[in-house]
Full PDB file with SEQRES, HELIX, SHEET, SSBOND, CRYST1, ORIGX, SCALE, CONECT and MASTER records, all heavy atoms in Angstrom:
SEQRES   1 A   31  ASN GLY ASP TRP SER GLN TYR HIS ILE HIS HIS ASN ASP          
SEQRES   2 A   31  ARG HIS TRP TRP GLY THR GLU ASP GLN PHE ALA GLN VAL          
SEQRES   3 A   31  GLN GLN GLY TYR GLU                                          
HELIX    1 AA1 TRP A    4  TYR A    7  5                                   4    
HELIX    2 AA2 GLU A   20  TYR A   30  1                                  11    
CRYST1    1.000    1.000    1.000  90.00  90.00  90.00 P 1           1          
ORIGX1      1.000000  0.000000  0.000000        0.00000                         
ORIGX2      0.000000  1.000000  0.000000        0.00000                         
ORIGX3      0.000000  0.000000  1.000000        0.00000                         
SCALE1      1.000000  0.000000  0.000000        0.00000                         
SCALE2      0.000000  1.000000  0.000000        0.00000                         
SCALE3      0.000000  0.000000  1.000000        0.00000                         
ATOM      1  N   ASN A   1     -10.312 -17.669  -3.881  1.00  0.00           N  
ATOM      2  CA  ASN A   1      -9.824 -17.720  -2.507  1.00  0.00           C  
ATOM      3  C   ASN A   1     -10.671 -16.918  -1.523  1.00  0.00           C  
ATOM      4  O   ASN A   1     -10.325 -16.781  -0.362  1.00  0.00           O  
ATOM      5  CB  ASN A   1      -8.373 -17.247  -2.449  1.00  0.00           C  
ATOM      6  CG  ASN A   1      -8.231 -15.782  -2.820  1.00  0.00           C  
ATOM      7  OD1 ASN A   1      -9.214 -15.089  -3.059  1.00  0.00           O  
ATOM      8  ND2 ASN A   1      -6.995 -15.321  -2.897  1.00  0.00           N  
ATOM      9  N   GLY A   2     -11.775 -16.339  -2.000  1.00  0.00           N  
ATOM     10  CA  GLY A   2     -12.667 -15.602  -1.118  1.00  0.00           C  
ATOM     11  C   GLY A   2     -12.236 -14.175  -0.810  1.00  0.00           C  
ATOM     12  O   GLY A   2     -12.867 -13.494  -0.019  1.00  0.00           O  
ATOM     13  N   ASP A   3     -11.170 -13.698  -1.430  1.00  0.00           N  
ATOM     14  CA  ASP A   3     -10.642 -12.374  -1.145  1.00  0.00           C  
ATOM     15  C   ASP A   3     -11.236 -11.357  -2.104  1.00  0.00           C  
ATOM     16  O   ASP A   3     -10.756 -11.176  -3.213  1.00  0.00           O  
ATOM     17  CB  ASP A   3      -9.115 -12.383  -1.233  1.00  0.00           C  
ATOM     18  CG  ASP A   3      -8.487 -11.036  -0.956  1.00  0.00           C  
ATOM     19  OD1 ASP A   3      -9.213 -10.105  -0.533  1.00  0.00           O  
ATOM     20  OD2 ASP A   3      -7.268 -10.918  -1.144  1.00  0.00           O  
ATOM     21  N   TRP A   4     -12.274 -10.637  -1.662  1.00  0.00           N  
ATOM     22  CA  TRP A   4     -12.935  -9.654  -2.516  1.00  0.00           C  
ATOM     23  C   TRP A   4     -12.057  -8.441  -2.771  1.00  0.00           C  
ATOM     24  O   TRP A   4     -12.263  -7.711  -3.735  1.00  0.00           O  
ATOM     25  CB  TRP A   4     -14.262  -9.222  -1.913  1.00  0.00           C  
ATOM     26  CG  TRP A   4     -15.292 -10.293  -2.078  1.00  0.00           C  
ATOM     27  CD1 TRP A   4     -15.741 -11.147  -1.106  1.00  0.00           C  
ATOM     28  CD2 TRP A   4     -15.969 -10.679  -3.272  1.00  0.00           C  
ATOM     29  NE1 TRP A   4     -16.668 -12.019  -1.622  1.00  0.00           N  
ATOM     30  CE2 TRP A   4     -16.825 -11.753  -2.957  1.00  0.00           C  
ATOM     31  CE3 TRP A   4     -15.943 -10.226  -4.583  1.00  0.00           C  
ATOM     32  CZ2 TRP A   4     -17.642 -12.363  -3.896  1.00  0.00           C  
ATOM     33  CZ3 TRP A   4     -16.755 -10.836  -5.517  1.00  0.00           C  
ATOM     34  CH2 TRP A   4     -17.598 -11.885  -5.177  1.00  0.00           C  
ATOM     35  N   SER A   5     -11.046  -8.191  -1.941  1.00  0.00           N  
ATOM     36  CA  SER A   5     -10.190  -7.033  -2.162  1.00  0.00           C  
ATOM     37  C   SER A   5      -9.391  -7.146  -3.445  1.00  0.00           C  
ATOM     38  O   SER A   5      -8.917  -6.136  -3.974  1.00  0.00           O  
ATOM     39  CB  SER A   5      -9.242  -6.836  -0.976  1.00  0.00           C  
ATOM     40  OG  SER A   5      -8.264  -7.867  -0.923  1.00  0.00           O  
ATOM     41  N   GLN A   6      -9.276  -8.326  -4.002  1.00  0.00           N  
ATOM     42  CA  GLN A   6      -8.525  -8.501  -5.237  1.00  0.00           C  
ATOM     43  C   GLN A   6      -9.231  -7.860  -6.433  1.00  0.00           C  
ATOM     44  O   GLN A   6      -8.660  -7.739  -7.497  1.00  0.00           O  
ATOM     45  CB  GLN A   6      -8.268  -9.963  -5.527  1.00  0.00           C  
ATOM     46  CG  GLN A   6      -9.502 -10.757  -5.868  1.00  0.00           C  
ATOM     47  CD  GLN A   6      -9.230 -12.246  -5.959  1.00  0.00           C  
ATOM     48  OE1 GLN A   6      -8.075 -12.661  -5.903  1.00  0.00           O  
ATOM     49  NE2 GLN A   6     -10.254 -13.039  -6.098  1.00  0.00           N  
ATOM     50  N   TYR A   7     -10.456  -7.394  -6.253  1.00  0.00           N  
ATOM     51  CA  TYR A   7     -11.186  -6.790  -7.361  1.00  0.00           C  
ATOM     52  C   TYR A   7     -11.028  -5.290  -7.434  1.00  0.00           C  
ATOM     53  O   TYR A   7     -11.645  -4.653  -8.277  1.00  0.00           O  
ATOM     54  CB  TYR A   7     -12.667  -7.169  -7.287  1.00  0.00           C  
ATOM     55  CG  TYR A   7     -12.848  -8.626  -7.592  1.00  0.00           C  
ATOM     56  CD1 TYR A   7     -13.089  -9.526  -6.563  1.00  0.00           C  
ATOM     57  CD2 TYR A   7     -12.733  -9.090  -8.877  1.00  0.00           C  
ATOM     58  CE1 TYR A   7     -13.229 -10.870  -6.843  1.00  0.00           C  
ATOM     59  CE2 TYR A   7     -12.868 -10.432  -9.167  1.00  0.00           C  
ATOM     60  CZ  TYR A   7     -13.117 -11.309  -8.138  1.00  0.00           C  
ATOM     61  OH  TYR A   7     -13.231 -12.627  -8.403  1.00  0.00           O  
ATOM     62  N   HIS A   8     -10.228  -4.676  -6.589  1.00  0.00           N  
ATOM     63  CA  HIS A   8     -10.001  -3.242  -6.691  1.00  0.00           C  
ATOM     64  C   HIS A   8      -9.236  -2.997  -7.981  1.00  0.00           C  
ATOM     65  O   HIS A   8      -8.176  -3.581  -8.200  1.00  0.00           O  
ATOM     66  CB  HIS A   8      -9.197  -2.749  -5.489  1.00  0.00           C  
ATOM     67  CG  HIS A   8      -9.169  -1.280  -5.355  1.00  0.00           C  
ATOM     68  ND1 HIS A   8      -8.378  -0.490  -6.134  1.00  0.00           N  
ATOM     69  CD2 HIS A   8      -9.888  -0.455  -4.549  1.00  0.00           C  
ATOM     70  CE1 HIS A   8      -8.571   0.762  -5.815  1.00  0.00           C  
ATOM     71  NE2 HIS A   8      -9.481   0.830  -4.856  1.00  0.00           N  
ATOM     72  N   ILE A   9      -9.749  -2.125  -8.834  1.00  0.00           N  
ATOM     73  CA  ILE A   9      -9.144  -1.954 -10.159  1.00  0.00           C  
ATOM     74  C   ILE A   9      -7.791  -1.257 -10.116  1.00  0.00           C  
ATOM     75  O   ILE A   9      -6.928  -1.486 -10.951  1.00  0.00           O  
ATOM     76  CB  ILE A   9     -10.096  -1.234 -11.122  1.00  0.00           C  
ATOM     77  CG1 ILE A   9      -9.586  -1.378 -12.548  1.00  0.00           C  
ATOM     78  CG2 ILE A   9     -10.273   0.230 -10.730  1.00  0.00           C  
ATOM     79  CD1 ILE A   9     -10.580  -1.085 -13.605  1.00  0.00           C  
ATOM     80  N   HIS A  10      -7.570  -0.380  -9.137  1.00  0.00           N  
ATOM     81  CA  HIS A  10      -6.281   0.295  -9.001  1.00  0.00           C  
ATOM     82  C   HIS A  10      -5.599  -0.202  -7.738  1.00  0.00           C  
ATOM     83  O   HIS A  10      -6.235  -0.708  -6.832  1.00  0.00           O  
ATOM     84  CB  HIS A  10      -6.472   1.807  -8.911  1.00  0.00           C  
ATOM     85  CG  HIS A  10      -7.153   2.362 -10.119  1.00  0.00           C  
ATOM     86  ND1 HIS A  10      -6.612   2.284 -11.390  1.00  0.00           N  
ATOM     87  CD2 HIS A  10      -8.345   2.976 -10.274  1.00  0.00           C  
ATOM     88  CE1 HIS A  10      -7.421   2.830 -12.253  1.00  0.00           C  
ATOM     89  NE2 HIS A  10      -8.487   3.268 -11.611  1.00  0.00           N  
ATOM     90  N   HIS A  11      -4.317  -0.040  -7.676  1.00  0.00           N  
ATOM     91  CA  HIS A  11      -3.532  -0.475  -6.518  1.00  0.00           C  
ATOM     92  C   HIS A  11      -3.710  -1.974  -6.313  1.00  0.00           C  
ATOM     93  O   HIS A  11      -3.865  -2.433  -5.197  1.00  0.00           O  
ATOM     94  CB  HIS A  11      -3.945   0.277  -5.244  1.00  0.00           C  
ATOM     95  CG  HIS A  11      -4.103   1.736  -5.456  1.00  0.00           C  
ATOM     96  ND1 HIS A  11      -3.039   2.559  -5.781  1.00  0.00           N  
ATOM     97  CD2 HIS A  11      -5.196   2.534  -5.418  1.00  0.00           C  
ATOM     98  CE1 HIS A  11      -3.482   3.785  -5.923  1.00  0.00           C  
ATOM     99  NE2 HIS A  11      -4.767   3.809  -5.718  1.00  0.00           N  
ATOM    100  N   ASN A  12      -3.687  -2.708  -7.370  1.00  0.00           N  
ATOM    101  CA  ASN A  12      -3.954  -4.135  -7.284  1.00  0.00           C  
ATOM    102  C   ASN A  12      -3.002  -4.870  -8.224  1.00  0.00           C  
ATOM    103  O   ASN A  12      -3.074  -4.693  -9.434  1.00  0.00           O  
ATOM    104  CB  ASN A  12      -5.408  -4.408  -7.686  1.00  0.00           C  
ATOM    105  CG  ASN A  12      -5.787  -5.859  -7.555  1.00  0.00           C  
ATOM    106  OD1 ASN A  12      -4.929  -6.721  -7.478  1.00  0.00           O  
ATOM    107  ND2 ASN A  12      -7.071  -6.135  -7.542  1.00  0.00           N  
ATOM    108  N   ASP A  13      -2.148  -5.699  -7.672  1.00  0.00           N  
ATOM    109  CA  ASP A  13      -1.209  -6.431  -8.524  1.00  0.00           C  
ATOM    110  C   ASP A  13      -1.702  -7.817  -8.884  1.00  0.00           C  
ATOM    111  O   ASP A  13      -0.989  -8.616  -9.463  1.00  0.00           O  
ATOM    112  CB  ASP A  13       0.163  -6.523  -7.855  1.00  0.00           C  
ATOM    113  CG  ASP A  13       0.121  -7.254  -6.537  1.00  0.00           C  
ATOM    114  OD1 ASP A  13      -0.956  -7.738  -6.128  1.00  0.00           O  
ATOM    115  OD2 ASP A  13       1.188  -7.343  -5.907  1.00  0.00           O  
ATOM    116  N   ARG A  14      -2.965  -8.140  -8.566  1.00  0.00           N  
ATOM    117  CA  ARG A  14      -3.516  -9.468  -8.887  1.00  0.00           C  
ATOM    118  C   ARG A  14      -3.816  -9.610 -10.370  1.00  0.00           C  
ATOM    119  O   ARG A  14      -3.904 -10.709 -10.876  1.00  0.00           O  
ATOM    120  CB  ARG A  14      -4.798  -9.726  -8.096  1.00  0.00           C  
ATOM    121  CG  ARG A  14      -4.588  -9.867  -6.631  1.00  0.00           C  
ATOM    122  CD  ARG A  14      -4.560 -11.240  -6.098  1.00  0.00           C  
ATOM    123  NE  ARG A  14      -5.483 -12.131  -6.759  1.00  0.00           N  
ATOM    124  CZ  ARG A  14      -5.341 -13.424  -6.685  1.00  0.00           C  
ATOM    125  NH1 ARG A  14      -4.377 -13.958  -6.008  1.00  0.00           N  
ATOM    126  NH2 ARG A  14      -6.198 -14.207  -7.281  1.00  0.00           N  
ATOM    127  N   HIS A  15      -4.001  -8.510 -11.064  1.00  0.00           N  
ATOM    128  CA  HIS A  15      -4.283  -8.540 -12.502  1.00  0.00           C  
ATOM    129  C   HIS A  15      -5.429  -9.489 -12.797  1.00  0.00           C  
ATOM    130  O   HIS A  15      -5.254 -10.546 -13.380  1.00  0.00           O  
ATOM    131  CB  HIS A  15      -3.022  -8.950 -13.265  1.00  0.00           C  
ATOM    132  CG  HIS A  15      -3.220  -8.972 -14.748  1.00  0.00           C  
ATOM    133  ND1 HIS A  15      -2.350  -9.600 -15.580  1.00  0.00           N  
ATOM    134  CD2 HIS A  15      -4.195  -8.483 -15.535  1.00  0.00           C  
ATOM    135  CE1 HIS A  15      -2.767  -9.497 -16.815  1.00  0.00           C  
ATOM    136  NE2 HIS A  15      -3.880  -8.803 -16.809  1.00  0.00           N  
ATOM    137  N   TRP A  16      -6.627  -9.083 -12.391  1.00  0.00           N  
ATOM    138  CA  TRP A  16      -7.799  -9.950 -12.508  1.00  0.00           C  
ATOM    139  C   TRP A  16      -8.559  -9.785 -13.824  1.00  0.00           C  
ATOM    140  O   TRP A  16      -9.588 -10.409 -14.011  1.00  0.00           O  
ATOM    141  CB  TRP A  16      -8.750  -9.743 -11.336  1.00  0.00           C  
ATOM    142  CG  TRP A  16      -9.156  -8.339 -11.052  1.00  0.00           C  
ATOM    143  CD1 TRP A  16      -8.574  -7.496 -10.146  1.00  0.00           C  
ATOM    144  CD2 TRP A  16     -10.218  -7.600 -11.642  1.00  0.00           C  
ATOM    145  NE1 TRP A  16      -9.211  -6.284 -10.153  1.00  0.00           N  
ATOM    146  CE2 TRP A  16     -10.223  -6.323 -11.065  1.00  0.00           C  
ATOM    147  CE3 TRP A  16     -11.164  -7.883 -12.629  1.00  0.00           C  
ATOM    148  CZ2 TRP A  16     -11.126  -5.347 -11.418  1.00  0.00           C  
ATOM    149  CZ3 TRP A  16     -12.072  -6.918 -12.984  1.00  0.00           C  
ATOM    150  CH2 TRP A  16     -12.047  -5.654 -12.370  1.00  0.00           C  
ATOM    151  N   TRP A  17      -8.062  -8.950 -14.734  1.00  0.00           N  
ATOM    152  CA  TRP A  17      -8.767  -8.763 -15.999  1.00  0.00           C  
ATOM    153  C   TRP A  17      -7.780  -8.526 -17.133  1.00  0.00           C  
ATOM    154  O   TRP A  17      -6.689  -8.051 -16.925  1.00  0.00           O  
ATOM    155  CB  TRP A  17      -9.712  -7.542 -15.900  1.00  0.00           C  
ATOM    156  CG  TRP A  17      -8.973  -6.310 -15.519  1.00  0.00           C  
ATOM    157  CD1 TRP A  17      -8.729  -5.867 -14.250  1.00  0.00           C  
ATOM    158  CD2 TRP A  17      -8.300  -5.426 -16.384  1.00  0.00           C  
ATOM    159  NE1 TRP A  17      -7.951  -4.748 -14.301  1.00  0.00           N  
ATOM    160  CE2 TRP A  17      -7.677  -4.431 -15.585  1.00  0.00           C  
ATOM    161  CE3 TRP A  17      -8.157  -5.327 -17.763  1.00  0.00           C  
ATOM    162  CZ2 TRP A  17      -6.950  -3.396 -16.123  1.00  0.00           C  
ATOM    163  CZ3 TRP A  17      -7.423  -4.289 -18.277  1.00  0.00           C  
ATOM    164  CH2 TRP A  17      -6.842  -3.335 -17.457  1.00  0.00           C  
ATOM    165  N   GLY A  18      -8.173  -8.857 -18.333  1.00  0.00           N  
ATOM    166  CA  GLY A  18      -7.439  -8.537 -19.538  1.00  0.00           C  
ATOM    167  C   GLY A  18      -6.076  -9.204 -19.695  1.00  0.00           C  
ATOM    168  O   GLY A  18      -5.660 -10.023 -18.900  1.00  0.00           O  
ATOM    169  N   THR A  19      -5.416  -8.791 -20.747  1.00  0.00           N  
ATOM    170  CA  THR A  19      -4.071  -9.310 -21.044  1.00  0.00           C  
ATOM    171  C   THR A  19      -3.033  -8.451 -20.334  1.00  0.00           C  
ATOM    172  O   THR A  19      -3.346  -7.384 -19.806  1.00  0.00           O  
ATOM    173  CB  THR A  19      -3.797  -9.230 -22.562  1.00  0.00           C  
ATOM    174  OG1 THR A  19      -3.752  -7.842 -22.946  1.00  0.00           O  
ATOM    175  CG2 THR A  19      -4.856  -9.970 -23.383  1.00  0.00           C  
ATOM    176  N   GLU A  20      -1.813  -8.890 -20.341  1.00  0.00           N  
ATOM    177  CA  GLU A  20      -0.714  -8.117 -19.727  1.00  0.00           C  
ATOM    178  C   GLU A  20      -0.589  -6.746 -20.388  1.00  0.00           C  
ATOM    179  O   GLU A  20      -0.400  -5.739 -19.712  1.00  0.00           O  
ATOM    180  CB  GLU A  20       0.604  -8.873 -19.840  1.00  0.00           C  
ATOM    181  CG  GLU A  20       0.687 -10.140 -19.012  1.00  0.00           C  
ATOM    182  CD  GLU A  20       0.702  -9.869 -17.518  1.00  0.00           C  
ATOM    183  OE1 GLU A  20       1.175  -8.795 -17.107  1.00  0.00           O  
ATOM    184  OE2 GLU A  20       0.251 -10.744 -16.773  1.00  0.00           O  
ATOM    185  N   ASP A  21      -0.713  -6.704 -21.721  1.00  0.00           N  
ATOM    186  CA  ASP A  21      -0.621  -5.419 -22.443  1.00  0.00           C  
ATOM    187  C   ASP A  21      -1.765  -4.480 -22.070  1.00  0.00           C  
ATOM    188  O   ASP A  21      -1.555  -3.287 -21.882  1.00  0.00           O  
ATOM    189  CB  ASP A  21      -0.588  -5.643 -23.942  1.00  0.00           C  
ATOM    190  CG  ASP A  21       0.720  -6.229 -24.436  1.00  0.00           C  
ATOM    191  OD1 ASP A  21       1.735  -6.144 -23.707  1.00  0.00           O  
ATOM    192  OD2 ASP A  21       0.738  -6.766 -25.553  1.00  0.00           O  
ATOM    193  N   GLN A  22      -2.988  -5.007 -21.991  1.00  0.00           N  
ATOM    194  CA  GLN A  22      -4.134  -4.178 -21.621  1.00  0.00           C  
ATOM    195  C   GLN A  22      -3.958  -3.651 -20.189  1.00  0.00           C  
ATOM    196  O   GLN A  22      -4.228  -2.474 -19.929  1.00  0.00           O  
ATOM    197  CB  GLN A  22      -5.427  -4.989 -21.720  1.00  0.00           C  
ATOM    198  CG  GLN A  22      -5.829  -5.298 -23.144  1.00  0.00           C  
ATOM    199  CD  GLN A  22      -6.942  -6.307 -23.207  1.00  0.00           C  
ATOM    200  OE1 GLN A  22      -7.073  -7.177 -22.343  1.00  0.00           O  
ATOM    201  NE2 GLN A  22      -7.746  -6.210 -24.251  1.00  0.00           N  
ATOM    202  N   PHE A  23      -3.527  -4.487 -19.298  1.00  0.00           N  
ATOM    203  CA  PHE A  23      -3.313  -4.092 -17.903  1.00  0.00           C  
ATOM    204  C   PHE A  23      -2.263  -2.978 -17.838  1.00  0.00           C  
ATOM    205  O   PHE A  23      -2.452  -1.973 -17.163  1.00  0.00           O  
ATOM    206  CB  PHE A  23      -2.884  -5.297 -17.080  1.00  0.00           C  
ATOM    207  CG  PHE A  23      -2.821  -5.021 -15.610  1.00  0.00           C  
ATOM    208  CD1 PHE A  23      -3.958  -5.065 -14.830  1.00  0.00           C  
ATOM    209  CD2 PHE A  23      -1.602  -4.728 -14.999  1.00  0.00           C  
ATOM    210  CE1 PHE A  23      -3.899  -4.816 -13.468  1.00  0.00           C  
ATOM    211  CE2 PHE A  23      -1.530  -4.480 -13.636  1.00  0.00           C  
ATOM    212  CZ  PHE A  23      -2.687  -4.531 -12.882  1.00  0.00           C  
ATOM    213  N   ALA A  24      -1.178  -3.129 -18.566  1.00  0.00           N  
ATOM    214  CA  ALA A  24      -0.116  -2.119 -18.570  1.00  0.00           C  
ATOM    215  C   ALA A  24      -0.611  -0.806 -19.147  1.00  0.00           C  
ATOM    216  O   ALA A  24      -0.282   0.273 -18.639  1.00  0.00           O  
ATOM    217  CB  ALA A  24       1.084  -2.636 -19.362  1.00  0.00           C  
ATOM    218  N   GLN A  25      -1.419  -0.873 -20.182  1.00  0.00           N  
ATOM    219  CA  GLN A  25      -1.936   0.338 -20.812  1.00  0.00           C  
ATOM    220  C   GLN A  25      -2.846   1.088 -19.845  1.00  0.00           C  
ATOM    221  O   GLN A  25      -2.743   2.312 -19.711  1.00  0.00           O  
ATOM    222  CB  GLN A  25      -2.691  -0.012 -22.090  1.00  0.00           C  
ATOM    223  CG  GLN A  25      -3.204   1.179 -22.855  1.00  0.00           C  
ATOM    224  CD  GLN A  25      -3.904   0.786 -24.146  1.00  0.00           C  
ATOM    225  OE1 GLN A  25      -4.189  -0.382 -24.391  1.00  0.00           O  
ATOM    226  NE2 GLN A  25      -4.180   1.766 -24.970  1.00  0.00           N  
ATOM    227  N   VAL A  26      -3.744   0.398 -19.172  1.00  0.00           N  
ATOM    228  CA  VAL A  26      -4.638   1.061 -18.223  1.00  0.00           C  
ATOM    229  C   VAL A  26      -3.850   1.606 -17.040  1.00  0.00           C  
ATOM    230  O   VAL A  26      -4.101   2.699 -16.561  1.00  0.00           O  
ATOM    231  CB  VAL A  26      -5.764   0.109 -17.776  1.00  0.00           C  
ATOM    232  CG1 VAL A  26      -6.533   0.690 -16.594  1.00  0.00           C  
ATOM    233  CG2 VAL A  26      -6.712  -0.139 -18.934  1.00  0.00           C  
ATOM    234  N   GLN A  27      -2.878   0.840 -16.558  1.00  0.00           N  
ATOM    235  CA  GLN A  27      -2.060   1.297 -15.436  1.00  0.00           C  
ATOM    236  C   GLN A  27      -1.303   2.580 -15.815  1.00  0.00           C  
ATOM    237  O   GLN A  27      -1.235   3.528 -15.034  1.00  0.00           O  
ATOM    238  CB  GLN A  27      -1.077   0.214 -15.010  1.00  0.00           C  
ATOM    239  CG  GLN A  27      -0.233   0.591 -13.804  1.00  0.00           C  
ATOM    240  CD  GLN A  27      -1.067   0.782 -12.541  1.00  0.00           C  
ATOM    241  OE1 GLN A  27      -2.116   0.195 -12.374  1.00  0.00           O  
ATOM    242  NE2 GLN A  27      -0.599   1.653 -11.670  1.00  0.00           N  
ATOM    243  N   GLN A  28      -0.771   2.631 -17.022  1.00  0.00           N  
ATOM    244  CA  GLN A  28      -0.070   3.825 -17.481  1.00  0.00           C  
ATOM    245  C   GLN A  28      -1.028   5.027 -17.532  1.00  0.00           C  
ATOM    246  O   GLN A  28      -0.688   6.134 -17.108  1.00  0.00           O  
ATOM    247  CB  GLN A  28       0.556   3.600 -18.851  1.00  0.00           C  
ATOM    248  CG  GLN A  28       1.311   4.808 -19.374  1.00  0.00           C  
ATOM    249  CD  GLN A  28       1.863   4.585 -20.778  1.00  0.00           C  
ATOM    250  OE1 GLN A  28       1.430   3.695 -21.508  1.00  0.00           O  
ATOM    251  NE2 GLN A  28       2.837   5.380 -21.146  1.00  0.00           N  
ATOM    252  N   GLY A  29      -2.230   4.811 -18.041  1.00  0.00           N  
ATOM    253  CA  GLY A  29      -3.215   5.882 -18.087  1.00  0.00           C  
ATOM    254  C   GLY A  29      -3.585   6.367 -16.698  1.00  0.00           C  
ATOM    255  O   GLY A  29      -3.723   7.576 -16.463  1.00  0.00           O  
ATOM    256  N   TYR A  30      -3.739   5.442 -15.776  1.00  0.00           N  
ATOM    257  CA  TYR A  30      -4.057   5.811 -14.391  1.00  0.00           C  
ATOM    258  C   TYR A  30      -2.922   6.654 -13.790  1.00  0.00           C  
ATOM    259  O   TYR A  30      -3.173   7.666 -13.136  1.00  0.00           O  
ATOM    260  CB  TYR A  30      -4.294   4.556 -13.551  1.00  0.00           C  
ATOM    261  CG  TYR A  30      -4.449   4.872 -12.081  1.00  0.00           C  
ATOM    262  CD1 TYR A  30      -5.637   5.426 -11.605  1.00  0.00           C  
ATOM    263  CD2 TYR A  30      -3.442   4.621 -11.200  1.00  0.00           C  
ATOM    264  CE1 TYR A  30      -5.789   5.718 -10.276  1.00  0.00           C  
ATOM    265  CE2 TYR A  30      -3.575   4.922  -9.855  1.00  0.00           C  
ATOM    266  CZ  TYR A  30      -4.760   5.476  -9.396  1.00  0.00           C  
ATOM    267  OH  TYR A  30      -4.902   5.765  -8.073  1.00  0.00           O  
ATOM    268  N   GLU A  31      -1.693   6.251 -14.028  1.00  0.00           N  
ATOM    269  CA  GLU A  31      -0.550   6.997 -13.483  1.00  0.00           C  
ATOM    270  C   GLU A  31      -0.459   8.401 -14.085  1.00  0.00           C  
ATOM    271  O   GLU A  31      -0.151   9.363 -13.394  1.00  0.00           O  
ATOM    272  CB  GLU A  31       0.737   6.206 -13.709  1.00  0.00           C  
ATOM    273  CG  GLU A  31       0.814   4.969 -12.843  1.00  0.00           C  
ATOM    274  CD  GLU A  31       1.938   4.021 -13.214  1.00  0.00           C  
ATOM    275  OE1 GLU A  31       2.737   4.347 -14.109  1.00  0.00           O  
ATOM    276  OE2 GLU A  31       1.989   2.925 -12.599  1.00  0.00           O  
TER     277      GLU A  31                                                      
MASTER        0    0    0    2    0    0    0    6  276    1    0    3          
END                                                                             
């Protein structure tokens, strides 16, 4: 869709990488 902001690794609910479990694990570590 041309939206480069979706690639911000934190503060991003687009989930542009990995599985749901991987995303949750990284998010927990960030928090």
